Amino acid sequence: HAVYLTNYNKLKSIVYAGTIKYTKGISNLIDAYTKSGLHEENIFLDLYGNDTFINGESYFHSIINSNSDAGKLFESGMIKFHGPISRKKLLLVFKRSYMCVF
């Protein structure tokens, strides 16, 4: 699901909140973001939630390491993985974001 927030004073960020795992489609979100060109408009992708581990490797980092474009955007700070935060802080992040994905 995606929710667009219409206040144009918002931060230019797309926020995903949820567990970082295959069944959530996070790799599709990251792939779509890298192909969309939104990073060229200085719109960030901010990810919040618990990572999962497959054979001892972070699922988030396996996505970043397998997609060179995503890796470059992660290195430049356009894609950020913040980890889990409190619900209260997450609501503030949602309030300030351009779009929420969950």
N, C-alpha and C. Protein backbone atom coordinates (compact mmCIF):
# COMPACT_ATOMS: atom_id res chain seq x y z
N HIS A 1 0.84 -1.18 0.00
CA HIS A 1 0.00 0.00 0.00
C HIS A 1 0.88 1.24 0.00
N ALA A 2 0.43 2.27 -0.64
CA ALA A 2 1.15 3.55 -0.62
C ALA A 2 0.17 4.65 -0.27
N VAL A 3 0.61 5.58 0.53
CA VAL A 3 -0.21 6.72 0.92
C VAL A 3 0.57 7.97 0.56
N TYR A 4 -0.04 8.82 -0.29
CA TYR A 4 0.58 10.09 -0.64
C TYR A 4 0.11 11.15 0.34
N LEU A 5 1.02 11.94 0.83
CA LEU A 5 0.70 13.02 1.73
C LEU A 5 0.86 14.32 0.96
N THR A 6 -0.14 15.19 1.01
CA THR A 6 -0.21 16.30 0.06
C THR A 6 0.40 17.61 0.51
N ASN A 7 0.88 17.73 1.71
CA ASN A 7 1.49 18.96 2.16
C ASN A 7 2.86 19.10 1.48
N TYR A 8 3.04 20.14 0.70
CA TYR A 8 4.27 20.30 -0.06
C TYR A 8 5.44 20.78 0.78
N ASN A 9 5.23 21.01 2.06
CA ASN A 9 6.32 21.37 2.96
C ASN A 9 6.95 20.12 3.57
N LYS A 10 6.56 18.97 3.11
CA LYS A 10 7.08 17.71 3.64
C LYS A 10 8.52 17.50 3.18
N LEU A 11 9.21 16.62 3.89
CA LEU A 11 10.53 16.21 3.44
C LEU A 11 10.38 15.40 2.17
N LYS A 12 11.35 15.46 1.32
CA LYS A 12 11.29 14.69 0.09
C LYS A 12 11.79 13.28 0.37
N SER A 13 10.91 12.47 0.96
CA SER A 13 11.28 11.09 1.24
C SER A 13 10.09 10.17 1.11
N ILE A 14 10.39 8.98 0.63
CA ILE A 14 9.42 7.89 0.60
C ILE A 14 9.79 7.02 1.79
N VAL A 15 8.83 6.74 2.64
CA VAL A 15 9.10 5.98 3.87
C VAL A 15 8.43 4.62 3.78
N TYR A 16 9.24 3.58 4.02
CA TYR A 16 8.72 2.22 4.17
C TYR A 16 8.86 1.86 5.63
N ALA A 17 7.81 1.31 6.21
CA ALA A 17 7.86 0.84 7.59
C ALA A 17 7.34 -0.59 7.62
N GLY A 18 8.15 -1.47 8.14
CA GLY A 18 7.78 -2.87 8.25
C GLY A 18 9.03 -3.72 8.28
N THR A 19 8.83 -5.00 8.45
CA THR A 19 9.96 -5.91 8.48
C THR A 19 10.61 -5.99 7.09
N ILE A 20 11.92 -5.97 7.07
CA ILE A 20 12.68 -6.09 5.83
C ILE A 20 12.79 -7.58 5.52
N LYS A 21 11.88 -8.08 4.70
CA LYS A 21 11.92 -9.49 4.34
C LYS A 21 11.32 -9.71 2.96
N TYR A 22 11.65 -10.85 2.40
CA TYR A 22 11.27 -11.17 1.03
C TYR A 22 9.77 -11.04 0.79
N THR A 23 8.96 -11.57 1.69
CA THR A 23 7.51 -11.60 1.47
C THR A 23 6.87 -10.22 1.47
N LYS A 24 7.56 -9.22 1.97
CA LYS A 24 7.04 -7.86 1.97
C LYS A 24 7.30 -7.14 0.64
N GLY A 25 8.10 -7.72 -0.23
CA GLY A 25 8.38 -7.10 -1.52
C GLY A 25 9.35 -5.94 -1.46
N ILE A 26 10.17 -5.90 -0.43
CA ILE A 26 11.11 -4.79 -0.26
C ILE A 26 12.12 -4.72 -1.40
N SER A 27 12.50 -5.87 -1.95
CA SER A 27 13.44 -5.84 -3.08
C SER A 27 12.78 -5.19 -4.29
N ASN A 28 11.48 -5.40 -4.47
CA ASN A 28 10.76 -4.75 -5.57
C ASN A 28 10.67 -3.25 -5.36
N LEU A 29 10.45 -2.83 -4.12
CA LEU A 29 10.40 -1.40 -3.81
C LEU A 29 11.74 -0.74 -4.11
N ILE A 30 12.82 -1.35 -3.66
CA ILE A 30 14.16 -0.79 -3.90
C ILE A 30 14.46 -0.76 -5.39
N ASP A 31 14.12 -1.82 -6.10
CA ASP A 31 14.35 -1.88 -7.55
C ASP A 31 13.54 -0.80 -8.27
N ALA A 32 12.28 -0.65 -7.89
CA ALA A 32 11.43 0.38 -8.52
C ALA A 32 11.98 1.77 -8.24
N TYR A 33 12.43 2.00 -7.02
CA TYR A 33 13.01 3.30 -6.67
C TYR A 33 14.25 3.58 -7.52
N THR A 34 15.13 2.59 -7.67
CA THR A 34 16.35 2.83 -8.44
C THR A 34 16.05 3.11 -9.90
N LYS A 35 15.01 2.50 -10.45
CA LYS A 35 14.65 2.68 -11.86
C LYS A 35 13.79 3.92 -12.10
N SER A 36 13.16 4.44 -11.05
CA SER A 36 12.19 5.54 -11.22
C SER A 36 12.84 6.88 -11.53
N GLY A 37 14.08 7.06 -11.11
CA GLY A 37 14.71 8.36 -11.28
C GLY A 37 14.34 9.36 -10.19
N LEU A 38 13.57 8.93 -9.19
CA LEU A 38 13.19 9.85 -8.12
C LEU A 38 14.41 10.37 -7.36
N HIS A 39 15.46 9.56 -7.27
CA HIS A 39 16.68 10.02 -6.60
C HIS A 39 17.30 11.21 -7.32
N GLU A 40 17.06 11.33 -8.62
CA GLU A 40 17.57 12.47 -9.38
C GLU A 40 16.82 13.75 -9.03
N GLU A 41 15.64 13.59 -8.42
CA GLU A 41 14.86 14.74 -7.95
C GLU A 41 15.06 14.95 -6.45
N ASN A 42 16.10 14.32 -5.91
CA ASN A 42 16.44 14.41 -4.48
C ASN A 42 15.33 13.90 -3.57
N ILE A 43 14.63 12.87 -4.01
CA ILE A 43 13.65 12.18 -3.17
C ILE A 43 14.33 10.93 -2.63
N PHE A 44 14.39 10.83 -1.32
CA PHE A 44 15.08 9.74 -0.63
C PHE A 44 14.15 8.56 -0.41
N LEU A 45 14.72 7.38 -0.21
CA LEU A 45 13.98 6.19 0.21
C LEU A 45 14.48 5.85 1.60
N ASP A 46 13.60 6.01 2.61
CA ASP A 46 13.94 5.74 4.00
C ASP A 46 13.20 4.49 4.46
N LEU A 47 13.95 3.53 4.99
CA LEU A 47 13.40 2.24 5.39
C LEU A 47 13.51 2.09 6.90
N TYR A 48 12.40 1.73 7.55
CA TYR A 48 12.35 1.55 9.00
C TYR A 48 11.79 0.17 9.31
N GLY A 49 12.40 -0.52 10.24
CA GLY A 49 11.89 -1.81 10.67
C GLY A 49 13.02 -2.78 10.96
N ASN A 50 12.64 -3.97 11.36
CA ASN A 50 13.62 -5.02 11.65
C ASN A 50 14.07 -5.68 10.37
N ASP A 51 15.36 -5.93 10.28
CA ASP A 51 15.92 -6.68 9.17
C ASP A 51 15.75 -8.17 9.47
N THR A 52 15.77 -8.99 8.45
CA THR A 52 15.80 -10.43 8.65
C THR A 52 17.14 -10.95 8.15
N PHE A 53 17.50 -12.11 8.61
CA PHE A 53 18.79 -12.69 8.25
C PHE A 53 18.58 -14.05 7.61
N ILE A 54 19.26 -14.27 6.50
CA ILE A 54 19.22 -15.53 5.77
C ILE A 54 20.64 -16.07 5.75
N ASN A 55 20.82 -17.24 6.33
CA ASN A 55 22.16 -17.84 6.45
C ASN A 55 23.17 -16.87 7.06
N GLY A 56 22.71 -16.12 8.05
CA GLY A 56 23.59 -15.20 8.76
C GLY A 56 23.82 -13.87 8.07
N GLU A 57 23.22 -13.66 6.89
CA GLU A 57 23.41 -12.40 6.15
C GLU A 57 22.15 -11.55 6.21
N SER A 58 22.34 -10.27 6.42
CA SER A 58 21.25 -9.30 6.42
C SER A 58 20.54 -9.33 5.07
N TYR A 59 19.20 -9.47 5.10
CA TYR A 59 18.43 -9.46 3.85
C TYR A 59 18.56 -8.11 3.15
N PHE A 60 18.52 -7.03 3.92
CA PHE A 60 18.67 -5.70 3.34
C PHE A 60 20.00 -5.59 2.59
N HIS A 61 21.08 -5.98 3.24
CA HIS A 61 22.39 -5.87 2.61
C HIS A 61 22.54 -6.82 1.42
N SER A 62 21.85 -7.96 1.44
CA SER A 62 21.90 -8.85 0.28
C SER A 62 21.24 -8.20 -0.93
N ILE A 63 20.18 -7.42 -0.70
CA ILE A 63 19.53 -6.69 -1.80
C ILE A 63 20.48 -5.61 -2.34
N ILE A 64 21.05 -4.84 -1.43
CA ILE A 64 21.95 -3.75 -1.81
C ILE A 64 23.17 -4.30 -2.55
N ASN A 65 23.71 -5.41 -2.08
CA ASN A 65 24.91 -5.99 -2.68
C ASN A 65 24.64 -6.65 -4.03
N SER A 66 23.39 -7.05 -4.29
CA SER A 66 23.07 -7.72 -5.55
C SER A 66 22.57 -6.75 -6.62
N ASN A 67 22.37 -5.50 -6.28
CA ASN A 67 21.85 -4.50 -7.21
C ASN A 67 22.82 -3.32 -7.20
N SER A 68 23.64 -3.21 -8.24
CA SER A 68 24.69 -2.18 -8.22
C SER A 68 24.12 -0.76 -8.15
N ASP A 69 22.99 -0.52 -8.81
CA ASP A 69 22.38 0.82 -8.74
C ASP A 69 21.91 1.12 -7.32
N ALA A 70 21.29 0.14 -6.67
CA ALA A 70 20.86 0.33 -5.29
C ALA A 70 22.06 0.51 -4.37
N GLY A 71 23.11 -0.23 -4.63
CA GLY A 71 24.33 -0.08 -3.84
C GLY A 71 24.90 1.33 -3.92
N LYS A 72 24.91 1.88 -5.11
CA LYS A 72 25.41 3.25 -5.29
C LYS A 72 24.52 4.26 -4.56
N LEU A 73 23.20 4.05 -4.63
CA LEU A 73 22.27 4.97 -3.97
C LEU A 73 22.37 4.84 -2.45
N PHE A 74 22.63 3.63 -1.97
CA PHE A 74 22.84 3.43 -0.53
C PHE A 74 24.12 4.14 -0.09
N GLU A 75 25.18 3.97 -0.85
CA GLU A 75 26.45 4.62 -0.53
C GLU A 75 26.33 6.14 -0.54
N SER A 76 25.51 6.68 -1.43
CA SER A 76 25.35 8.13 -1.52
C SER A 76 24.37 8.70 -0.50
N GLY A 77 23.66 7.80 0.21
CA GLY A 77 22.71 8.26 1.22
C GLY A 77 21.29 8.46 0.71
N MET A 78 21.04 8.14 -0.55
CA MET A 78 19.68 8.30 -1.09
C MET A 78 18.76 7.19 -0.60
N ILE A 79 19.31 6.00 -0.35
CA ILE A 79 18.58 4.92 0.29
C ILE A 79 19.17 4.77 1.68
N LYS A 80 18.30 4.84 2.70
CA LYS A 80 18.76 4.75 4.09
C LYS A 80 17.98 3.68 4.82
N PHE A 81 18.68 2.83 5.54
CA PHE A 81 18.05 1.85 6.41
C PHE A 81 18.27 2.28 7.84
N HIS A 82 17.19 2.66 8.52
CA HIS A 82 17.27 3.21 9.87
C HIS A 82 17.07 2.17 10.97
N GLY A 83 16.57 0.99 10.61
CA GLY A 83 16.27 -0.01 11.63
C GLY A 83 14.96 0.31 12.33
N PRO A 84 14.67 -0.40 13.42
CA PRO A 84 13.40 -0.17 14.12
C PRO A 84 13.43 1.11 14.96
N ILE A 85 12.28 1.77 15.03
CA ILE A 85 12.11 2.94 15.90
C ILE A 85 10.76 2.79 16.60
N SER A 86 10.53 3.61 17.60
CA SER A 86 9.27 3.54 18.35
C SER A 86 8.11 3.98 17.46
N ARG A 87 6.92 3.53 17.80
CA ARG A 87 5.72 3.91 17.05
C ARG A 87 5.52 5.42 17.08
N LYS A 88 5.81 6.05 18.21
CA LYS A 88 5.66 7.50 18.33
C LYS A 88 6.57 8.23 17.34
N LYS A 89 7.84 7.79 17.28
CA LYS A 89 8.78 8.41 16.33
C LYS A 89 8.38 8.11 14.89
N LEU A 90 7.88 6.90 14.65
CA LEU A 90 7.46 6.53 13.30
C LEU A 90 6.31 7.40 12.82
N LEU A 91 5.38 7.70 13.70
CA LEU A 91 4.26 8.58 13.32
C LEU A 91 4.76 9.96 12.93
N LEU A 92 5.78 10.46 13.61
CA LEU A 92 6.38 11.75 13.24
C LEU A 92 7.07 11.66 11.89
N VAL A 93 7.75 10.54 11.62
CA VAL A 93 8.40 10.34 10.33
C VAL A 93 7.33 10.32 9.23
N PHE A 94 6.25 9.59 9.46
CA PHE A 94 5.14 9.54 8.48
C PHE A 94 4.61 10.95 8.23
N LYS A 95 4.41 11.69 9.28
CA LYS A 95 3.84 13.04 9.17
C LYS A 95 4.69 13.95 8.29
N ARG A 96 6.01 13.74 8.34
CA ARG A 96 6.92 14.62 7.61
C ARG A 96 7.30 14.11 6.23
N SER A 97 6.84 12.91 5.87
CA SER A 97 7.27 12.31 4.61
C SER A 97 6.38 12.70 3.44
N TYR A 98 6.87 12.45 2.27
CA TYR A 98 6.14 12.69 1.02
C TYR A 98 5.18 11.54 0.72
N MET A 99 5.64 10.32 0.96
CA MET A 99 4.84 9.13 0.69
C MET A 99 5.20 8.05 1.71
N CYS A 100 4.20 7.29 2.12
CA CYS A 100 4.41 6.17 3.04
C CYS A 100 4.06 4.86 2.33
N VAL A 101 4.91 3.88 2.51
CA VAL A 101 4.69 2.55 1.94
C VAL A 101 4.75 1.55 3.08
N PHE A 102 3.73 0.68 3.14
CA PHE A 102 3.72 -0.32 4.21
C PHE A 102 3.05 -1.58 3.75
